[in-house]
N, C-alpha and C. Protein backbone atom coordinates (compact mmCIF):
# COMPACT_ATOMS: atom_id res chain seq x y z
N ILE A 1 182.04 181.02 73.31
CA ILE A 1 182.54 180.45 72.07
C ILE A 1 183.05 179.03 72.33
N PHE A 2 183.72 178.83 73.47
CA PHE A 2 184.26 177.52 73.81
C PHE A 2 183.14 176.49 73.93
N VAL A 3 182.06 176.83 74.64
CA VAL A 3 180.94 175.91 74.84
C VAL A 3 180.24 175.64 73.52
N GLN A 4 180.06 176.67 72.71
CA GLN A 4 179.37 176.50 71.43
C GLN A 4 180.16 175.56 70.51
N LYS A 5 181.48 175.65 70.55
CA LYS A 5 182.31 174.79 69.71
C LYS A 5 182.14 173.33 70.12
N HIS A 6 182.11 173.05 71.44
CA HIS A 6 181.96 171.68 71.92
C HIS A 6 180.55 171.15 71.66
N LEU A 7 179.55 172.01 71.76
CA LEU A 7 178.18 171.58 71.46
C LEU A 7 178.04 171.24 69.98
N SER A 8 178.68 172.01 69.13
CA SER A 8 178.64 171.73 67.70
C SER A 8 179.33 170.40 67.40
N LEU A 9 180.44 170.15 68.06
CA LEU A 9 181.16 168.89 67.88
C LEU A 9 180.30 167.72 68.36
N ALA A 10 179.68 167.85 69.53
CA ALA A 10 178.82 166.79 70.06
C ALA A 10 177.63 166.54 69.14
N ALA A 11 177.03 167.60 68.63
CA ALA A 11 175.91 167.44 67.71
C ALA A 11 176.37 166.75 66.43
N GLY A 12 177.55 167.09 65.96
CA GLY A 12 178.09 166.45 64.76
C GLY A 12 178.34 164.97 64.97
N VAL A 13 178.86 164.61 66.13
CA VAL A 13 179.10 163.20 66.45
C VAL A 13 177.78 162.43 66.50
N ILE A 14 176.77 163.00 67.13
CA ILE A 14 175.46 162.35 67.22
C ILE A 14 174.86 162.16 65.83
N VAL A 15 174.94 163.18 65.00
CA VAL A 15 174.41 163.07 63.63
C VAL A 15 175.17 162.00 62.86
N ALA A 16 176.49 161.94 63.03
CA ALA A 16 177.29 160.93 62.34
C ALA A 16 176.90 159.52 62.79
N ILE A 17 176.71 159.33 64.09
CA ILE A 17 176.30 158.02 64.61
C ILE A 17 174.94 157.62 64.05
N LEU A 18 174.01 158.56 64.05
CA LEU A 18 172.67 158.26 63.51
C LEU A 18 172.73 157.95 62.02
N PHE A 19 173.59 158.65 61.29
CA PHE A 19 173.75 158.39 59.85
C PHE A 19 174.31 157.00 59.61
N ILE A 20 175.35 156.63 60.36
CA ILE A 20 175.94 155.30 60.23
C ILE A 20 174.91 154.24 60.61
N GLU A 21 174.16 154.50 61.67
CA GLU A 21 173.10 153.59 62.10
C GLU A 21 172.08 153.38 60.99
N PHE A 22 171.68 154.45 60.35
CA PHE A 22 170.68 154.38 59.28
C PHE A 22 171.20 153.61 58.08
N ILE A 23 172.45 153.84 57.71
CA ILE A 23 173.01 153.19 56.53
C ILE A 23 173.31 151.71 56.79
N SER A 24 173.90 151.39 57.92
CA SER A 24 174.33 150.01 58.19
C SER A 24 173.18 149.11 58.61
N ARG A 25 172.17 149.66 59.22
CA ARG A 25 171.01 148.90 59.71
C ARG A 25 171.42 147.76 60.65
N ASN A 26 172.51 147.93 61.37
CA ASN A 26 172.98 146.91 62.31
C ASN A 26 172.55 147.17 63.74
N ARG A 27 171.81 148.24 63.96
CA ARG A 27 171.30 148.57 65.29
C ARG A 27 172.44 148.68 66.30
N LEU A 28 173.48 149.41 65.93
CA LEU A 28 174.63 149.61 66.80
C LEU A 28 174.21 150.18 68.14
N TRP A 29 173.32 151.16 68.12
CA TRP A 29 172.86 151.77 69.38
C TRP A 29 172.23 150.71 70.27
N CYS A 30 171.33 149.92 69.72
CA CYS A 30 170.61 148.93 70.52
C CYS A 30 171.55 147.82 71.01
N ARG A 31 172.50 147.42 70.20
CA ARG A 31 173.38 146.31 70.57
C ARG A 31 174.46 146.71 71.58
N CYS A 32 175.00 147.91 71.45
CA CYS A 32 176.18 148.27 72.24
C CYS A 32 176.02 149.46 73.17
N LEU A 33 175.20 150.42 72.82
CA LEU A 33 175.18 151.66 73.57
C LEU A 33 173.94 151.87 74.43
N CYS A 34 172.85 151.22 74.11
CA CYS A 34 171.60 151.42 74.86
C CYS A 34 171.77 150.91 76.29
N PRO A 35 171.54 151.75 77.29
CA PRO A 35 171.73 151.33 78.68
C PRO A 35 170.81 150.17 79.07
N GLN A 36 169.60 150.14 78.56
CA GLN A 36 168.69 149.05 78.91
C GLN A 36 169.22 147.72 78.39
N ALA A 37 169.65 147.67 77.15
CA ALA A 37 170.16 146.43 76.59
C ALA A 37 171.42 145.97 77.32
N VAL A 38 172.30 146.89 77.64
CA VAL A 38 173.53 146.54 78.36
C VAL A 38 173.20 145.96 79.73
N LEU A 39 172.27 146.58 80.46
CA LEU A 39 171.89 146.07 81.78
C LEU A 39 171.22 144.70 81.69
N LEU A 40 170.38 144.49 80.68
CA LEU A 40 169.74 143.19 80.52
C LEU A 40 170.76 142.10 80.22
N VAL A 41 171.72 142.40 79.37
CA VAL A 41 172.75 141.42 79.05
C VAL A 41 173.62 141.13 80.27
N LEU A 42 173.98 142.15 81.05
CA LEU A 42 174.77 141.92 82.27
C LEU A 42 173.98 141.09 83.28
N ALA A 43 172.69 141.35 83.41
CA ALA A 43 171.86 140.56 84.32
C ALA A 43 171.82 139.10 83.88
N LYS A 44 171.79 138.86 82.58
CA LYS A 44 171.80 137.49 82.08
C LYS A 44 173.12 136.79 82.41
N LEU A 45 174.22 137.53 82.39
CA LEU A 45 175.52 136.92 82.66
C LEU A 45 175.69 136.54 84.13
N VAL A 46 175.09 137.29 85.03
CA VAL A 46 175.27 137.06 86.47
C VAL A 46 174.28 136.02 87.01
N ASN A 47 173.08 135.98 86.47
CA ASN A 47 172.03 135.12 86.98
C ASN A 47 172.28 133.66 86.62
N PRO A 48 172.34 132.74 87.61
CA PRO A 48 172.57 131.33 87.29
C PRO A 48 171.37 130.67 86.61
N TYR A 49 170.17 131.21 86.82
CA TYR A 49 168.99 130.70 86.12
C TYR A 49 168.68 131.67 85.00
N ARG A 50 168.86 131.23 83.80
CA ARG A 50 168.75 132.13 82.66
C ARG A 50 167.42 131.93 81.94
N LEU A 51 166.70 133.04 81.78
CA LEU A 51 165.52 133.05 80.93
C LEU A 51 166.01 133.23 79.50
N LYS A 52 165.60 132.35 78.63
CA LYS A 52 166.03 132.46 77.25
C LYS A 52 164.91 132.06 76.33
N VAL A 53 165.04 132.43 75.09
CA VAL A 53 164.09 132.04 74.07
C VAL A 53 164.55 130.70 73.53
N GLY A 54 163.69 129.69 73.66
CA GLY A 54 164.01 128.36 73.16
C GLY A 54 163.35 128.12 71.81
N TYR A 55 164.02 127.36 70.96
CA TYR A 55 163.53 127.07 69.61
C TYR A 55 163.35 125.57 69.44
N GLN A 56 162.18 125.16 68.96
CA GLN A 56 161.89 123.75 68.68
C GLN A 56 161.68 123.60 67.18
N LYS A 57 162.70 123.05 66.51
CA LYS A 57 162.70 122.97 65.05
C LYS A 57 161.50 122.22 64.50
N GLU A 58 161.08 121.16 65.18
CA GLU A 58 159.98 120.33 64.67
C GLU A 58 158.64 121.07 64.63
N LYS A 59 158.50 122.13 65.39
CA LYS A 59 157.26 122.91 65.40
C LYS A 59 157.27 124.07 64.41
N CYS A 60 158.42 124.39 63.86
CA CYS A 60 158.54 125.55 62.98
C CYS A 60 157.94 125.26 61.60
N LEU A 61 157.11 126.17 61.12
CA LEU A 61 156.45 126.02 59.83
C LEU A 61 157.17 126.78 58.71
N ILE A 62 158.25 127.47 59.05
CA ILE A 62 158.98 128.30 58.09
C ILE A 62 160.30 127.60 57.74
N SER A 63 160.65 127.59 56.46
CA SER A 63 161.89 126.98 56.00
C SER A 63 163.10 127.70 56.60
N ASP A 64 164.18 126.95 56.82
CA ASP A 64 165.41 127.54 57.37
C ASP A 64 166.02 128.57 56.43
N SER A 65 165.79 128.42 55.13
CA SER A 65 166.41 129.32 54.16
C SER A 65 165.65 130.63 53.99
N VAL A 66 164.49 130.74 54.62
CA VAL A 66 163.65 131.94 54.48
C VAL A 66 163.68 132.75 55.76
N GLN A 67 163.71 134.06 55.63
CA GLN A 67 163.62 134.92 56.81
C GLN A 67 162.17 134.90 57.29
N GLY A 68 161.95 134.28 58.44
CA GLY A 68 160.60 134.11 58.95
C GLY A 68 160.09 135.34 59.67
N PRO A 69 158.81 135.31 60.04
CA PRO A 69 158.22 136.44 60.75
C PRO A 69 158.87 136.69 62.11
N CYS A 70 159.41 135.64 62.71
CA CYS A 70 160.07 135.82 64.01
C CYS A 70 161.32 136.68 63.86
N GLN A 71 162.10 136.44 62.81
CA GLN A 71 163.31 137.24 62.59
C GLN A 71 162.95 138.66 62.17
N LYS A 72 161.88 138.82 61.41
CA LYS A 72 161.45 140.15 61.01
C LYS A 72 160.94 140.95 62.21
N ALA A 73 160.37 140.25 63.20
CA ALA A 73 159.84 140.93 64.39
C ALA A 73 160.94 141.36 65.35
N CYS A 74 162.10 140.70 65.28
CA CYS A 74 163.20 141.00 66.20
C CYS A 74 163.79 142.38 65.89
N SER A 75 163.81 143.24 66.88
CA SER A 75 164.35 144.59 66.68
C SER A 75 165.86 144.58 66.45
N LEU A 76 166.53 143.48 66.79
CA LEU A 76 167.97 143.36 66.58
C LEU A 76 168.30 142.49 65.37
N SER A 77 167.28 142.03 64.65
CA SER A 77 167.44 141.17 63.46
C SER A 77 168.18 139.88 63.77
N LEU A 78 167.95 139.32 64.95
CA LEU A 78 168.57 138.05 65.32
C LEU A 78 167.75 136.90 64.74
N ASP A 79 168.43 135.83 64.36
CA ASP A 79 167.75 134.64 63.84
C ASP A 79 167.72 133.60 64.94
N MET A 80 166.56 133.39 65.53
CA MET A 80 166.44 132.46 66.66
C MET A 80 166.56 131.01 66.22
N LYS A 81 166.49 130.75 64.91
CA LYS A 81 166.58 129.37 64.41
C LYS A 81 168.02 128.85 64.40
N THR A 82 168.99 129.74 64.45
CA THR A 82 170.39 129.31 64.45
C THR A 82 171.07 129.83 65.70
N PRO A 83 170.92 129.13 66.82
CA PRO A 83 171.50 129.61 68.08
C PRO A 83 173.02 129.55 68.06
N ASN A 84 173.62 130.56 68.64
CA ASN A 84 175.07 130.60 68.81
C ASN A 84 175.39 131.51 70.00
N GLN A 85 176.63 131.64 70.34
CA GLN A 85 177.02 132.43 71.51
C GLN A 85 176.68 133.90 71.34
N ALA A 86 176.84 134.44 70.13
CA ALA A 86 176.50 135.84 69.90
C ALA A 86 175.02 136.09 70.15
N LEU A 87 174.19 135.15 69.75
CA LEU A 87 172.75 135.28 69.98
C LEU A 87 172.46 135.30 71.47
N GLU A 88 173.14 134.46 72.24
CA GLU A 88 172.93 134.41 73.69
C GLU A 88 173.27 135.73 74.35
N THR A 89 174.30 136.40 73.89
CA THR A 89 174.70 137.65 74.54
C THR A 89 173.96 138.86 74.00
N GLU A 90 173.45 138.80 72.78
CA GLU A 90 172.79 139.96 72.20
C GLU A 90 171.29 139.99 72.44
N CYS A 91 170.65 138.83 72.57
CA CYS A 91 169.20 138.77 72.75
C CYS A 91 168.83 139.36 74.11
N THR A 92 167.86 140.27 74.11
CA THR A 92 167.43 140.91 75.36
C THR A 92 166.15 140.29 75.92
N ASN A 93 165.68 139.20 75.32
CA ASN A 93 164.46 138.51 75.75
C ASN A 93 163.25 139.43 75.77
N CYS A 94 163.13 140.27 74.76
CA CYS A 94 161.99 141.19 74.70
C CYS A 94 160.69 140.45 74.42
N GLY A 95 160.75 139.32 73.73
CA GLY A 95 159.57 138.51 73.47
C GLY A 95 158.84 138.82 72.19
N ASP A 96 159.35 139.75 71.38
CA ASP A 96 158.68 140.08 70.12
C ASP A 96 158.61 138.87 69.19
N CYS A 97 159.69 138.11 69.11
CA CYS A 97 159.71 136.93 68.23
C CYS A 97 158.77 135.85 68.75
N VAL A 98 158.69 135.69 70.05
CA VAL A 98 157.81 134.68 70.65
C VAL A 98 156.35 135.03 70.37
N ALA A 99 156.01 136.31 70.49
CA ALA A 99 154.63 136.74 70.24
C ALA A 99 154.22 136.49 68.80
N VAL A 100 155.11 136.77 67.84
CA VAL A 100 154.79 136.54 66.43
C VAL A 100 154.73 135.05 66.13
N CYS A 101 155.58 134.28 66.77
CA CYS A 101 155.66 132.84 66.50
C CYS A 101 154.41 132.10 66.98
N LYS A 102 153.69 132.66 67.92
CA LYS A 102 152.46 132.00 68.39
C LYS A 102 151.46 131.81 67.26
N ASN A 103 151.56 132.62 66.22
CA ASN A 103 150.67 132.51 65.07
C ASN A 103 151.20 131.59 63.98
N THR A 104 152.46 131.17 64.09
CA THR A 104 153.07 130.34 63.04
C THR A 104 153.76 129.12 63.63
N GLY A 105 153.05 128.32 64.37
CA GLY A 105 153.59 127.04 64.81
C GLY A 105 154.06 126.95 66.24
N GLN A 106 154.25 128.04 66.91
CA GLN A 106 154.70 128.07 68.31
C GLN A 106 156.03 127.35 68.52
N ALA A 107 156.97 127.57 67.60
CA ALA A 107 158.29 126.96 67.72
C ALA A 107 159.18 127.70 68.72
N LEU A 108 158.87 128.96 69.00
CA LEU A 108 159.64 129.74 69.96
C LEU A 108 158.85 129.91 71.25
N GLY A 109 159.56 129.85 72.36
CA GLY A 109 158.93 130.07 73.65
C GLY A 109 159.99 130.35 74.70
N PHE A 110 159.58 130.95 75.79
CA PHE A 110 160.52 131.23 76.88
C PHE A 110 160.74 129.97 77.70
N GLN A 111 161.97 129.79 78.17
CA GLN A 111 162.31 128.68 79.05
C GLN A 111 163.40 129.12 80.02
N PHE A 112 163.38 128.51 81.20
CA PHE A 112 164.44 128.77 82.17
C PHE A 112 165.49 127.69 82.01
N LYS A 113 166.73 128.09 82.15
CA LYS A 113 167.84 127.17 81.97
C LYS A 113 168.87 127.45 83.06
N ARG A 114 169.30 126.44 83.78
CA ARG A 114 170.35 126.61 84.78
C ARG A 114 171.68 126.57 84.06
N CYS A 115 172.51 127.55 84.35
CA CYS A 115 173.82 127.66 83.71
C CYS A 115 174.92 127.39 84.73
N ARG A 116 176.01 126.85 84.24
CA ARG A 116 177.18 126.68 85.10
C ARG A 116 177.70 128.05 85.50
N SER A 117 178.37 128.11 86.62
CA SER A 117 178.88 129.39 87.10
C SER A 117 180.40 129.32 87.23
N LYS A 118 181.07 130.39 86.83
CA LYS A 118 182.52 130.47 86.97
C LYS A 118 182.87 131.91 87.31
N GLY A 119 183.41 132.13 88.47
CA GLY A 119 183.80 133.48 88.87
C GLY A 119 182.62 134.42 89.01
N GLY A 120 181.45 133.89 89.36
CA GLY A 120 180.28 134.73 89.54
C GLY A 120 179.49 134.97 88.27
N PHE A 121 179.97 134.45 87.14
CA PHE A 121 179.26 134.64 85.88
C PHE A 121 178.64 133.33 85.44
N ALA A 122 177.42 133.40 84.95
CA ALA A 122 176.72 132.23 84.45
C ALA A 122 177.26 131.88 83.07
N LEU A 123 177.56 130.62 82.86
CA LEU A 123 178.09 130.16 81.58
C LEU A 123 177.10 129.22 80.93
N GLN A 124 177.28 128.98 79.66
CA GLN A 124 176.41 128.05 78.92
C GLN A 124 176.69 126.64 79.34
């Protein structure tokens, strides 16, 4: 009975998380809980040479006010046209946006960037 009660509670928590995930569409699992995403982000913080998705505005064929195919292709719904610190830490460099962008102007591409280091962590 003790084990069954805890299994029911665990199942309830999982269902609740999935329900919140479905309603909010913020990809909480992918951003915060997925072990692969967490490891990729940690690797980006430690590595002094950072692989990142670079954006060249002059090559982009999509207006800034419109959600482009690159943003629609991103599984985390990140907008690569407006870089900020949150984008740097959340992007896993999967390349989905880069692949889609090759058909619409090639404004996105991978680039290596040397980052400053402080306390063993790579900084912008």
